[in-house]
Amino acid sequence: MIKLIGVEKYYGQMRVLAGINLEAQKGDFISIMGSSGSGKSTLLNLIGGMDRPERGKIIVDGEDISSYTDDQLTVYRRKRIGFIFQFFNLLPNITLFENIQLPLLLNGIEDANKVKEYIHYVGLEGKENAYPYQLSGGQQQRVAIARALMNDPDILLADEPTGSLDSQTGGIIMDLITTLAEKRRKTVILVTHDQSIAQYAHKIFRIKDGVIIS
């Protein structure tokens, strides 16, 4: 489903990714481990269409997304990808319900029942009208997960999703992500520096200095 072939990425003269080769099949749950600055978040951004490689190809379902136009990448991100970030990235001035609904609205869809379904799925009934500052870190990450699923994406990309949480809350969030991967047949690619988090995945890859080393 996802195949990276010889992917290289530079920022100025600095090479961040140095010929990455990686494959993921539909339904795979993959963790990419690495320290800060190893290139793991850059790799995730390339798969998610938020950046482009200087060299190599990123094949998703047979199409080279690295050759997409900006408009094609926008559609790809909106319809194929769900993002979960370390710092939640919720809009602070709108409610939980409105944050989760946002991806639907961006695609011209209004479906309050679907929003309610996912609020129930992540266990936040009764919090619909709360604002992000009124929620705990774990609750905010649940909102972010529900938002990531709104357009029923094929691929979930999680960038240190437990990095801002205590270990107990992080475990709860990882259980939720694991359940999603299994029950809804999502392909999950998660980057982390934490071995205990990486072990939730089916496969673990390690990246160092822009190279997959195992």
N, C-alpha and C. Protein backbone atom coordinates (compact mmCIF):
# COMPACT_ATOMS: atom_id res chain seq x y z
N MET A 1 0.82 -1.21 0.00
CA MET A 1 0.00 0.00 0.00
C MET A 1 0.86 1.26 0.00
N ILE A 2 1.92 1.28 0.84
CA ILE A 2 2.85 2.41 0.90
C ILE A 2 4.25 1.87 0.64
N LYS A 3 4.97 2.52 -0.28
CA LYS A 3 6.32 2.09 -0.59
C LYS A 3 7.20 3.31 -0.82
N LEU A 4 8.27 3.41 -0.05
CA LEU A 4 9.25 4.47 -0.23
C LEU A 4 10.49 3.87 -0.88
N ILE A 5 10.95 4.54 -1.94
CA ILE A 5 12.09 4.04 -2.71
C ILE A 5 13.15 5.13 -2.78
N GLY A 6 14.26 4.91 -2.10
CA GLY A 6 15.40 5.82 -2.18
C GLY A 6 15.08 7.27 -1.83
N VAL A 7 14.26 7.47 -0.81
CA VAL A 7 13.79 8.82 -0.49
C VAL A 7 14.88 9.62 0.23
N GLU A 8 15.18 10.78 -0.31
CA GLU A 8 16.13 11.70 0.30
C GLU A 8 15.46 13.06 0.52
N LYS A 9 15.81 13.69 1.63
CA LYS A 9 15.26 15.01 1.96
C LYS A 9 16.36 15.88 2.52
N TYR A 10 16.44 17.10 2.00
CA TYR A 10 17.43 18.08 2.45
C TYR A 10 16.71 19.31 2.99
N TYR A 11 17.31 19.93 3.99
CA TYR A 11 16.93 21.27 4.40
C TYR A 11 18.17 22.13 4.22
N GLY A 12 18.18 22.92 3.14
CA GLY A 12 19.41 23.62 2.79
C GLY A 12 20.46 22.61 2.37
N GLN A 13 21.63 22.70 2.99
CA GLN A 13 22.71 21.76 2.68
C GLN A 13 22.68 20.51 3.55
N MET A 14 21.77 20.49 4.52
CA MET A 14 21.73 19.38 5.46
C MET A 14 20.82 18.26 4.95
N ARG A 15 21.39 17.08 4.81
CA ARG A 15 20.59 15.93 4.38
C ARG A 15 19.94 15.30 5.60
N VAL A 16 18.61 15.31 5.62
CA VAL A 16 17.85 14.80 6.77
C VAL A 16 17.49 13.33 6.58
N LEU A 17 17.14 12.95 5.35
CA LEU A 17 16.87 11.56 5.02
C LEU A 17 17.81 11.13 3.91
N ALA A 18 18.42 9.96 4.07
CA ALA A 18 19.51 9.56 3.17
C ALA A 18 19.21 8.24 2.49
N GLY A 19 18.20 8.23 1.62
CA GLY A 19 17.90 7.02 0.85
C GLY A 19 17.05 6.03 1.61
N ILE A 20 15.87 6.45 2.03
CA ILE A 20 14.96 5.60 2.82
C ILE A 20 14.20 4.65 1.90
N ASN A 21 14.22 3.37 2.25
CA ASN A 21 13.39 2.35 1.61
C ASN A 21 12.51 1.72 2.69
N LEU A 22 11.20 1.72 2.45
CA LEU A 22 10.26 1.25 3.48
C LEU A 22 8.97 0.82 2.81
N GLU A 23 8.37 -0.25 3.34
CA GLU A 23 7.09 -0.71 2.81
C GLU A 23 6.11 -0.96 3.95
N ALA A 24 4.84 -0.64 3.70
CA ALA A 24 3.76 -0.95 4.64
C ALA A 24 2.56 -1.44 3.84
N GLN A 25 1.96 -2.55 4.30
CA GLN A 25 0.77 -3.09 3.66
C GLN A 25 -0.48 -2.58 4.38
N LYS A 26 -1.62 -2.71 3.73
CA LYS A 26 -2.88 -2.28 4.34
C LYS A 26 -3.10 -3.02 5.65
N GLY A 27 -3.42 -2.27 6.70
CA GLY A 27 -3.66 -2.85 8.00
C GLY A 27 -2.42 -3.00 8.86
N ASP A 28 -1.25 -2.70 8.31
CA ASP A 28 -0.02 -2.76 9.11
C ASP A 28 -0.03 -1.66 10.18
N PHE A 29 0.58 -1.96 11.30
CA PHE A 29 0.84 -0.96 12.34
C PHE A 29 2.36 -0.94 12.53
N ILE A 30 2.97 0.14 12.07
CA ILE A 30 4.42 0.26 12.06
C ILE A 30 4.86 1.38 12.99
N SER A 31 5.89 1.10 13.78
CA SER A 31 6.53 2.14 14.58
C SER A 31 7.90 2.44 14.00
N ILE A 32 8.23 3.72 13.96
CA ILE A 32 9.57 4.15 13.55
C ILE A 32 10.20 4.83 14.75
N MET A 33 11.25 4.22 15.27
CA MET A 33 11.92 4.74 16.47
C MET A 33 13.16 5.54 16.08
N GLY A 34 13.41 6.59 16.85
CA GLY A 34 14.62 7.35 16.64
C GLY A 34 14.69 8.51 17.61
N SER A 35 15.89 8.99 17.85
CA SER A 35 16.07 10.12 18.75
C SER A 35 15.68 11.42 18.05
N SER A 36 15.64 12.50 18.81
CA SER A 36 15.34 13.81 18.24
C SER A 36 16.36 14.15 17.16
N GLY A 37 15.87 14.59 16.00
CA GLY A 37 16.76 14.94 14.90
C GLY A 37 17.16 13.79 14.00
N SER A 38 16.59 12.61 14.24
CA SER A 38 16.98 11.44 13.43
C SER A 38 16.32 11.42 12.06
N GLY A 39 15.26 12.22 11.88
CA GLY A 39 14.56 12.26 10.60
C GLY A 39 13.20 11.61 10.62
N LYS A 40 12.77 11.10 11.78
CA LYS A 40 11.52 10.34 11.81
C LYS A 40 10.29 11.20 11.53
N SER A 41 10.24 12.41 12.07
CA SER A 41 9.08 13.28 11.81
C SER A 41 9.08 13.76 10.37
N THR A 42 10.26 14.03 9.83
CA THR A 42 10.36 14.40 8.41
C THR A 42 9.81 13.29 7.53
N LEU A 43 10.15 12.07 7.86
CA LEU A 43 9.65 10.91 7.11
C LEU A 43 8.12 10.87 7.14
N LEU A 44 7.55 11.10 8.31
CA LEU A 44 6.09 11.08 8.45
C LEU A 44 5.47 12.19 7.61
N ASN A 45 6.07 13.38 7.62
CA ASN A 45 5.54 14.50 6.85
C ASN A 45 5.56 14.21 5.35
N LEU A 46 6.57 13.49 4.89
CA LEU A 46 6.64 13.14 3.47
C LEU A 46 5.54 12.15 3.10
N ILE A 47 5.32 11.14 3.93
CA ILE A 47 4.26 10.17 3.66
C ILE A 47 2.89 10.85 3.69
N GLY A 48 2.75 11.83 4.57
CA GLY A 48 1.48 12.55 4.70
C GLY A 48 1.26 13.64 3.67
N GLY A 49 2.22 13.83 2.77
CA GLY A 49 2.04 14.84 1.73
C GLY A 49 2.18 16.27 2.21
N MET A 50 2.80 16.46 3.37
CA MET A 50 3.02 17.82 3.87
C MET A 50 4.35 18.38 3.39
N ASP A 51 5.17 17.55 2.77
CA ASP A 51 6.45 17.96 2.24
C ASP A 51 6.79 17.05 1.07
N ARG A 52 7.81 17.41 0.33
CA ARG A 52 8.21 16.62 -0.83
C ARG A 52 9.69 16.21 -0.70
N PRO A 53 10.03 15.03 -1.20
CA PRO A 53 11.44 14.63 -1.18
C PRO A 53 12.21 15.28 -2.32
N GLU A 54 13.53 15.42 -2.12
CA GLU A 54 14.38 15.88 -3.21
C GLU A 54 14.66 14.76 -4.21
N ARG A 55 14.76 13.54 -3.68
CA ARG A 55 15.00 12.37 -4.54
C ARG A 55 14.15 11.21 -4.03
N GLY A 56 13.91 10.27 -4.95
CA GLY A 56 13.17 9.07 -4.58
C GLY A 56 11.68 9.19 -4.86
N LYS A 57 10.98 8.11 -4.55
CA LYS A 57 9.54 8.04 -4.81
C LYS A 57 8.80 7.60 -3.55
N ILE A 58 7.58 8.12 -3.40
CA ILE A 58 6.67 7.68 -2.35
C ILE A 58 5.41 7.18 -3.05
N ILE A 59 5.25 5.87 -3.07
CA ILE A 59 4.15 5.23 -3.79
C ILE A 59 3.05 4.86 -2.80
N VAL A 60 1.84 5.34 -3.06
CA VAL A 60 0.68 4.99 -2.24
C VAL A 60 -0.38 4.43 -3.17
N ASP A 61 -0.73 3.17 -2.96
CA ASP A 61 -1.69 2.49 -3.83
C ASP A 61 -1.35 2.66 -5.31
N GLY A 62 -0.07 2.49 -5.60
CA GLY A 62 0.36 2.50 -6.99
C GLY A 62 0.61 3.86 -7.60
N GLU A 63 0.37 4.94 -6.85
CA GLU A 63 0.58 6.29 -7.38
C GLU A 63 1.74 6.97 -6.66
N ASP A 64 2.57 7.66 -7.42
CA ASP A 64 3.71 8.38 -6.86
C ASP A 64 3.25 9.74 -6.37
N ILE A 65 3.00 9.85 -5.07
CA ILE A 65 2.46 11.12 -4.55
C ILE A 65 3.52 12.22 -4.57
N SER A 66 4.79 11.85 -4.66
CA SER A 66 5.84 12.87 -4.71
C SER A 66 5.82 13.64 -6.02
N SER A 67 5.07 13.15 -7.01
CA SER A 67 4.93 13.87 -8.28
C SER A 67 3.61 14.63 -8.37
N TYR A 68 2.80 14.57 -7.30
CA TYR A 68 1.51 15.26 -7.28
C TYR A 68 1.69 16.78 -7.34
N THR A 69 0.70 17.45 -7.91
CA THR A 69 0.62 18.91 -7.81
C THR A 69 0.21 19.29 -6.38
N ASP A 70 0.32 20.57 -6.06
CA ASP A 70 -0.10 21.03 -4.73
C ASP A 70 -1.58 20.73 -4.50
N ASP A 71 -2.41 20.93 -5.52
CA ASP A 71 -3.84 20.66 -5.37
C ASP A 71 -4.10 19.18 -5.14
N GLN A 72 -3.38 18.33 -5.85
CA GLN A 72 -3.54 16.89 -5.65
C GLN A 72 -3.11 16.48 -4.25
N LEU A 73 -2.03 17.08 -3.74
CA LEU A 73 -1.58 16.77 -2.38
C LEU A 73 -2.61 17.21 -1.34
N THR A 74 -3.26 18.34 -1.57
CA THR A 74 -4.29 18.81 -0.64
C THR A 74 -5.43 17.80 -0.56
N VAL A 75 -5.88 17.31 -1.72
CA VAL A 75 -6.95 16.31 -1.74
C VAL A 75 -6.48 15.02 -1.07
N TYR A 76 -5.26 14.62 -1.35
CA TYR A 76 -4.68 13.42 -0.73
C TYR A 76 -4.69 13.52 0.79
N ARG A 77 -4.23 14.65 1.33
CA ARG A 77 -4.18 14.83 2.78
C ARG A 77 -5.58 14.81 3.37
N ARG A 78 -6.52 15.44 2.72
CA ARG A 78 -7.88 15.55 3.27
C ARG A 78 -8.64 14.23 3.25
N LYS A 79 -8.40 13.42 2.23
CA LYS A 79 -9.22 12.22 2.04
C LYS A 79 -8.53 10.91 2.39
N ARG A 80 -7.20 10.90 2.38
CA ARG A 80 -6.50 9.63 2.57
C ARG A 80 -5.75 9.53 3.89
N ILE A 81 -5.48 10.70 4.52
CA ILE A 81 -4.57 10.72 5.66
C ILE A 81 -5.27 11.29 6.90
N GLY A 82 -5.03 10.64 8.04
CA GLY A 82 -5.42 11.19 9.34
C GLY A 82 -4.17 11.45 10.16
N PHE A 83 -4.03 12.67 10.67
CA PHE A 83 -2.84 13.05 11.43
C PHE A 83 -3.15 13.12 12.92
N ILE A 84 -2.25 12.57 13.74
CA ILE A 84 -2.32 12.70 15.20
C ILE A 84 -0.97 13.24 15.66
N PHE A 85 -1.00 14.38 16.35
CA PHE A 85 0.24 15.06 16.72
C PHE A 85 0.49 15.00 18.22
N GLN A 86 1.73 15.26 18.60
CA GLN A 86 2.10 15.25 20.02
C GLN A 86 1.36 16.32 20.80
N PHE A 87 1.21 17.50 20.22
CA PHE A 87 0.62 18.63 20.94
C PHE A 87 -0.82 18.90 20.53
N PHE A 88 -1.48 17.88 19.98
CA PHE A 88 -2.93 17.83 19.74
C PHE A 88 -3.37 18.72 18.57
N ASN A 89 -2.84 19.96 18.48
CA ASN A 89 -3.18 20.88 17.38
C ASN A 89 -4.68 21.16 17.27
N LEU A 90 -5.35 21.26 18.40
CA LEU A 90 -6.76 21.64 18.40
C LEU A 90 -6.88 23.16 18.29
N LEU A 91 -7.97 23.61 17.67
CA LEU A 91 -8.22 25.05 17.61
C LEU A 91 -8.82 25.48 18.95
N PRO A 92 -8.19 26.44 19.63
CA PRO A 92 -8.57 26.73 21.01
C PRO A 92 -9.89 27.46 21.18
N ASN A 93 -10.35 28.14 20.12
CA ASN A 93 -11.53 28.99 20.25
C ASN A 93 -12.82 28.35 19.76
N ILE A 94 -12.77 27.04 19.48
CA ILE A 94 -13.99 26.32 19.11
C ILE A 94 -14.13 25.07 19.99
N THR A 95 -15.34 24.54 20.05
CA THR A 95 -15.64 23.45 20.98
C THR A 95 -15.07 22.12 20.50
N LEU A 96 -15.13 21.14 21.40
CA LEU A 96 -14.74 19.77 21.07
C LEU A 96 -15.50 19.29 19.83
N PHE A 97 -16.81 19.48 19.81
CA PHE A 97 -17.63 19.04 18.69
C PHE A 97 -17.16 19.69 17.40
N GLU A 98 -16.91 20.99 17.45
CA GLU A 98 -16.52 21.73 16.25
C GLU A 98 -15.13 21.34 15.78
N ASN A 99 -14.21 21.05 16.71
CA ASN A 99 -12.88 20.59 16.32
C ASN A 99 -12.96 19.27 15.57
N ILE A 100 -13.77 18.36 16.06
CA ILE A 100 -13.90 17.05 15.42
C ILE A 100 -14.61 17.17 14.07
N GLN A 101 -15.55 18.08 13.97
CA GLN A 101 -16.33 18.26 12.75
C GLN A 101 -15.53 18.93 11.62
N LEU A 102 -14.47 19.61 11.96
CA LEU A 102 -13.76 20.45 11.00
C LEU A 102 -13.36 19.75 9.71
N PRO A 103 -12.78 18.54 9.74
CA PRO A 103 -12.41 17.89 8.48
C PRO A 103 -13.60 17.65 7.55
N LEU A 104 -14.76 17.35 8.12
CA LEU A 104 -15.95 17.17 7.29
C LEU A 104 -16.32 18.48 6.59
N LEU A 105 -16.30 19.58 7.35
CA LEU A 105 -16.67 20.87 6.78
C LEU A 105 -15.72 21.28 5.67
N LEU A 106 -14.44 20.97 5.85
CA LEU A 106 -13.46 21.30 4.81
C LEU A 106 -13.74 20.56 3.51
N ASN A 107 -14.41 19.43 3.61
CA ASN A 107 -14.80 18.66 2.42
C ASN A 107 -16.25 18.90 2.01
N GLY A 108 -16.86 19.93 2.60
CA GLY A 108 -18.22 20.30 2.22
C GLY A 108 -19.29 19.35 2.73
N ILE A 109 -19.01 18.67 3.84
CA ILE A 109 -19.95 17.68 4.39
C ILE A 109 -20.43 18.13 5.77
N GLU A 110 -21.72 18.02 5.99
CA GLU A 110 -22.27 18.26 7.33
C GLU A 110 -22.93 16.97 7.79
N ASP A 111 -22.40 16.38 8.84
CA ASP A 111 -22.92 15.10 9.32
C ASP A 111 -22.74 15.05 10.84
N ALA A 112 -23.70 15.66 11.54
CA ALA A 112 -23.60 15.73 13.00
C ALA A 112 -23.63 14.35 13.63
N ASN A 113 -24.36 13.43 13.01
CA ASN A 113 -24.46 12.08 13.58
C ASN A 113 -23.11 11.36 13.55
N LYS A 114 -22.34 11.59 12.49
CA LYS A 114 -21.01 10.96 12.42
C LYS A 114 -20.10 11.53 13.50
N VAL A 115 -20.19 12.84 13.72
CA VAL A 115 -19.38 13.46 14.78
C VAL A 115 -19.75 12.86 16.13
N LYS A 116 -21.04 12.70 16.39
CA LYS A 116 -21.50 12.12 17.65
C LYS A 116 -21.03 10.67 17.80
N GLU A 117 -21.01 9.95 16.69
CA GLU A 117 -20.55 8.55 16.71
C GLU A 117 -19.11 8.47 17.20
N TYR A 118 -18.26 9.36 16.69
CA TYR A 118 -16.85 9.31 17.06
C TYR A 118 -16.60 9.89 18.44
N ILE A 119 -17.42 10.85 18.85
CA ILE A 119 -17.32 11.33 20.23
C ILE A 119 -17.61 10.17 21.19
N HIS A 120 -18.61 9.37 20.85
CA HIS A 120 -18.91 8.18 21.65
C HIS A 120 -17.76 7.18 21.59
N TYR A 121 -17.20 7.01 20.39
CA TYR A 121 -16.15 6.01 20.20
C TYR A 121 -14.92 6.30 21.05
N VAL A 122 -14.59 7.59 21.21
CA VAL A 122 -13.40 7.95 22.00
C VAL A 122 -13.76 8.27 23.45
N GLY A 123 -15.03 8.05 23.82
CA GLY A 123 -15.43 8.15 25.23
C GLY A 123 -15.54 9.56 25.77
N LEU A 124 -16.05 10.49 24.95
CA LEU A 124 -16.14 11.88 25.40
C LEU A 124 -17.57 12.42 25.38
N GLU A 125 -18.54 11.53 25.53
CA GLU A 125 -19.93 11.99 25.62
C GLU A 125 -20.07 12.96 26.79
N GLY A 126 -20.87 13.99 26.57
CA GLY A 126 -21.08 14.99 27.60
C GLY A 126 -20.09 16.13 27.56
N LYS A 127 -19.04 16.00 26.72
CA LYS A 127 -18.02 17.04 26.61
C LYS A 127 -18.14 17.83 25.30
N GLU A 128 -19.24 17.62 24.58
CA GLU A 128 -19.36 18.18 23.23
C GLU A 128 -19.13 19.69 23.18
N ASN A 129 -19.58 20.40 24.20
CA ASN A 129 -19.51 21.87 24.18
C ASN A 129 -18.31 22.42 24.95
N ALA A 130 -17.42 21.52 25.38
CA ALA A 130 -16.22 21.97 26.10
C ALA A 130 -15.19 22.52 25.12
N TYR A 131 -14.38 23.44 25.59
CA TYR A 131 -13.28 23.98 24.81
C TYR A 131 -11.99 23.24 25.20
N PRO A 132 -10.99 23.23 24.31
CA PRO A 132 -9.78 22.47 24.60
C PRO A 132 -9.16 22.76 25.96
N TYR A 133 -9.16 24.02 26.40
CA TYR A 133 -8.53 24.35 27.69
C TYR A 133 -9.26 23.73 28.87
N GLN A 134 -10.48 23.28 28.64
CA GLN A 134 -11.26 22.66 29.70
C GLN A 134 -11.06 21.15 29.77
N LEU A 135 -10.21 20.62 28.90
CA LEU A 135 -9.98 19.18 28.82
C LEU A 135 -8.58 18.82 29.30
N SER A 136 -8.43 17.61 29.82
CA SER A 136 -7.09 17.10 30.17
C SER A 136 -6.33 16.78 28.90
N GLY A 137 -5.02 16.54 29.05
CA GLY A 137 -4.21 16.18 27.89
C GLY A 137 -4.71 14.92 27.20
N GLY A 138 -5.07 13.92 27.99
CA GLY A 138 -5.58 12.68 27.41
C GLY A 138 -6.88 12.90 26.66
N GLN A 139 -7.76 13.74 27.21
CA GLN A 139 -9.02 14.04 26.53
C GLN A 139 -8.77 14.80 25.23
N GLN A 140 -7.82 15.74 25.25
CA GLN A 140 -7.50 16.47 24.03
C GLN A 140 -6.96 15.53 22.95
N GLN A 141 -6.16 14.56 23.35
CA GLN A 141 -5.64 13.62 22.35
C GLN A 141 -6.76 12.74 21.81
N ARG A 142 -7.74 12.41 22.63
CA ARG A 142 -8.91 11.66 22.13
C ARG A 142 -9.67 12.48 21.09
N VAL A 143 -9.80 13.77 21.34
CA VAL A 143 -10.43 14.66 20.35
C VAL A 143 -9.63 14.62 19.04
N ALA A 144 -8.30 14.70 19.17
CA ALA A 144 -7.45 14.69 17.98
C ALA A 144 -7.59 13.39 17.20
N ILE A 145 -7.73 12.27 17.91
CA ILE A 145 -7.91 10.97 17.24
C ILE A 145 -9.25 10.94 16.51
N ALA A 146 -10.31 11.40 17.17
CA ALA A 146 -11.62 11.43 16.52
C ALA A 146 -11.59 12.32 15.28
N ARG A 147 -10.95 13.47 15.41
CA ARG A 147 -10.83 14.39 14.26
C ARG A 147 -10.08 13.72 13.11
N ALA A 148 -9.02 12.99 13.44
CA ALA A 148 -8.21 12.33 12.40
C ALA A 148 -9.01 11.28 11.64
N LEU A 149 -10.06 10.75 12.26
CA LEU A 149 -10.85 9.68 11.64
C LEU A 149 -12.07 10.17 10.87
N MET A 150 -12.35 11.45 10.93
CA MET A 150 -13.61 11.96 10.40
C MET A 150 -13.83 11.65 8.93
N ASN A 151 -12.78 11.70 8.13
CA ASN A 151 -12.94 11.44 6.70
C ASN A 151 -12.64 9.98 6.34
N ASP A 152 -12.64 9.10 7.35
CA ASP A 152 -12.39 7.68 7.16
C ASP A 152 -11.14 7.44 6.33
N PRO A 153 -9.99 7.98 6.79
CA PRO A 153 -8.76 7.85 6.00
C PRO A 153 -8.24 6.42 6.00
N ASP A 154 -7.49 6.08 4.96
CA ASP A 154 -6.85 4.76 4.89
C ASP A 154 -5.65 4.68 5.82
N ILE A 155 -5.00 5.84 6.02
CA ILE A 155 -3.71 5.87 6.70
C ILE A 155 -3.77 6.83 7.88
N LEU A 156 -3.33 6.35 9.04
CA LEU A 156 -3.18 7.20 10.23
C LEU A 156 -1.70 7.41 10.49
N LEU A 157 -1.30 8.67 10.60
CA LEU A 157 0.09 9.02 10.90
C LEU A 157 0.13 9.67 12.28
N ALA A 158 0.89 9.09 13.18
CA ALA A 158 0.94 9.56 14.57
C ALA A 158 2.36 9.97 14.91
N ASP A 159 2.53 11.24 15.24
CA ASP A 159 3.85 11.80 15.55
C ASP A 159 3.97 12.00 17.05
N GLU A 160 4.66 11.09 17.73
CA GLU A 160 4.83 11.13 19.19
C GLU A 160 3.49 11.39 19.89
N PRO A 161 2.47 10.55 19.63
CA PRO A 161 1.12 10.87 20.13
C PRO A 161 0.98 10.83 21.64
N THR A 162 1.94 10.24 22.34
CA THR A 162 1.87 10.20 23.80
C THR A 162 2.94 11.07 24.45
N GLY A 163 3.67 11.83 23.64
CA GLY A 163 4.81 12.57 24.15
C GLY A 163 4.48 13.64 25.17
N SER A 164 3.23 14.13 25.17
CA SER A 164 2.83 15.17 26.12
C SER A 164 2.00 14.61 27.28
N LEU A 165 1.95 13.28 27.38
CA LEU A 165 1.07 12.63 28.35
C LEU A 165 1.88 11.83 29.37
N ASP A 166 1.30 11.62 30.55
CA ASP A 166 1.93 10.73 31.52
C ASP A 166 1.81 9.29 31.03
N SER A 167 2.57 8.39 31.62
CA SER A 167 2.66 7.02 31.10
C SER A 167 1.32 6.29 31.13
N GLN A 168 0.53 6.49 32.18
CA GLN A 168 -0.76 5.80 32.27
C GLN A 168 -1.71 6.29 31.18
N THR A 169 -1.81 7.61 31.02
CA THR A 169 -2.68 8.16 29.98
C THR A 169 -2.17 7.78 28.60
N GLY A 170 -0.85 7.77 28.44
CA GLY A 170 -0.28 7.36 27.17
C GLY A 170 -0.65 5.94 26.80
N GLY A 171 -0.66 5.06 27.79
CA GLY A 171 -1.06 3.67 27.54
C GLY A 171 -2.51 3.57 27.09
N ILE A 172 -3.37 4.37 27.69
CA ILE A 172 -4.78 4.39 27.30
C ILE A 172 -4.94 4.85 25.85
N ILE A 173 -4.20 5.90 25.50
CA ILE A 173 -4.26 6.41 24.13
C ILE A 173 -3.74 5.37 23.14
N MET A 174 -2.66 4.68 23.50
CA MET A 174 -2.12 3.66 22.60
C MET A 174 -3.07 2.48 22.46
N ASP A 175 -3.77 2.11 23.53
CA ASP A 175 -4.78 1.05 23.42
C ASP A 175 -5.87 1.46 22.43
N LEU A 176 -6.25 2.74 22.46
CA LEU A 176 -7.28 3.23 21.55
C LEU A 176 -6.79 3.20 20.10
N ILE A 177 -5.57 3.64 19.87
CA ILE A 177 -5.00 3.62 18.52
C ILE A 177 -4.88 2.19 18.01
N THR A 178 -4.46 1.28 18.88
CA THR A 178 -4.32 -0.13 18.50
C THR A 178 -5.67 -0.73 18.11
N THR A 179 -6.69 -0.42 18.89
CA THR A 179 -8.05 -0.89 18.57
C THR A 179 -8.51 -0.38 17.21
N LEU A 180 -8.23 0.89 16.94
CA LEU A 180 -8.59 1.47 15.65
C LEU A 180 -7.90 0.72 14.52
N ALA A 181 -6.63 0.47 14.70
CA ALA A 181 -5.86 -0.21 13.65
C ALA A 181 -6.43 -1.58 13.34
N GLU A 182 -6.84 -2.29 14.39
CA GLU A 182 -7.32 -3.66 14.21
C GLU A 182 -8.76 -3.70 13.71
N LYS A 183 -9.65 -2.94 14.33
CA LYS A 183 -11.08 -3.04 14.01
C LYS A 183 -11.45 -2.33 12.72
N ARG A 184 -10.75 -1.26 12.41
CA ARG A 184 -11.12 -0.45 11.25
C ARG A 184 -10.13 -0.58 10.10
N ARG A 185 -9.19 -1.53 10.23
CA ARG A 185 -8.26 -1.85 9.15
C ARG A 185 -7.53 -0.63 8.63
N LYS A 186 -7.07 0.20 9.53
CA LYS A 186 -6.27 1.35 9.15
C LYS A 186 -4.79 0.95 9.10
N THR A 187 -4.08 1.55 8.20
CA THR A 187 -2.63 1.44 8.20
C THR A 187 -2.10 2.54 9.11
N VAL A 188 -1.37 2.17 10.14
CA VAL A 188 -0.88 3.13 11.13
C VAL A 188 0.64 3.19 11.07
N ILE A 189 1.16 4.41 10.92
CA ILE A 189 2.61 4.63 11.01
C ILE A 189 2.83 5.63 12.13
N LEU A 190 3.54 5.18 13.15
CA LEU A 190 3.74 5.97 14.36
C LEU A 190 5.23 6.21 14.55
N VAL A 191 5.62 7.44 14.86
CA VAL A 191 7.02 7.69 15.19
C VAL A 191 7.13 8.02 16.68
N THR A 192 8.18 7.52 17.29
CA THR A 192 8.37 7.69 18.73
C THR A 192 9.84 7.48 19.09
N HIS A 193 10.24 7.99 20.22
CA HIS A 193 11.57 7.69 20.76
C HIS A 193 11.47 6.68 21.90
N ASP A 194 10.23 6.26 22.23
CA ASP A 194 9.94 5.46 23.42
C ASP A 194 9.72 4.00 23.04
N GLN A 195 10.59 3.12 23.52
CA GLN A 195 10.49 1.69 23.20
C GLN A 195 9.17 1.10 23.66
N SER A 196 8.67 1.51 24.82
CA SER A 196 7.42 0.94 25.34
C SER A 196 6.23 1.30 24.45
N ILE A 197 6.28 2.45 23.80
CA ILE A 197 5.22 2.85 22.87
C ILE A 197 5.40 2.13 21.53
N ALA A 198 6.62 2.03 21.06
CA ALA A 198 6.89 1.37 19.79
C ALA A 198 6.42 -0.08 19.79
N GLN A 199 6.45 -0.72 20.95
CA GLN A 199 6.11 -2.15 21.03
C GLN A 199 4.63 -2.44 20.79
N TYR A 200 3.79 -1.43 20.75
CA TYR A 200 2.39 -1.66 20.39
C TYR A 200 2.25 -2.06 18.91
N ALA A 201 3.25 -1.74 18.11
CA ALA A 201 3.16 -1.96 16.67
C ALA A 201 3.47 -3.41 16.29
N HIS A 202 3.10 -3.78 15.06
CA HIS A 202 3.43 -5.10 14.53
C HIS A 202 4.89 -5.17 14.11
N LYS A 203 5.40 -4.04 13.62
CA LYS A 203 6.77 -3.98 13.13
C LYS A 203 7.43 -2.72 13.68
N ILE A 204 8.71 -2.81 14.01
CA ILE A 204 9.47 -1.66 14.51
C ILE A 204 10.67 -1.45 13.61
N PHE A 205 10.81 -0.23 13.11
CA PHE A 205 11.99 0.18 12.36
C PHE A 205 12.72 1.24 13.16
N ARG A 206 14.03 1.27 13.06
CA ARG A 206 14.83 2.28 13.74
C ARG A 206 15.54 3.15 12.72
N ILE A 207 15.51 4.45 12.99
CA ILE A 207 16.13 5.40 12.08
C ILE A 207 17.19 6.19 12.84
N LYS A 208 18.32 6.38 12.20
CA LYS A 208 19.42 7.14 12.80
C LYS A 208 20.12 7.92 11.70
N ASP A 209 20.27 9.22 11.92
CA ASP A 209 20.95 10.09 10.96
C ASP A 209 20.35 9.94 9.55
N GLY A 210 19.02 9.81 9.52
CA GLY A 210 18.33 9.77 8.23
C GLY A 210 18.38 8.45 7.50
N VAL A 211 18.80 7.38 8.19
CA VAL A 211 18.91 6.05 7.57
C VAL A 211 18.17 5.03 8.43
N ILE A 212 17.41 4.14 7.79
CA ILE A 212 16.81 3.01 8.50
C ILE A 212 17.92 2.01 8.80
N ILE A 213 18.14 1.74 10.10
CA ILE A 213 19.25 0.86 10.47
C ILE A 213 18.79 -0.53 10.90
N SER A 214 17.50 -0.72 11.11
CA SER A 214 17.00 -2.07 11.46
C SER A 214 15.50 -2.11 11.27
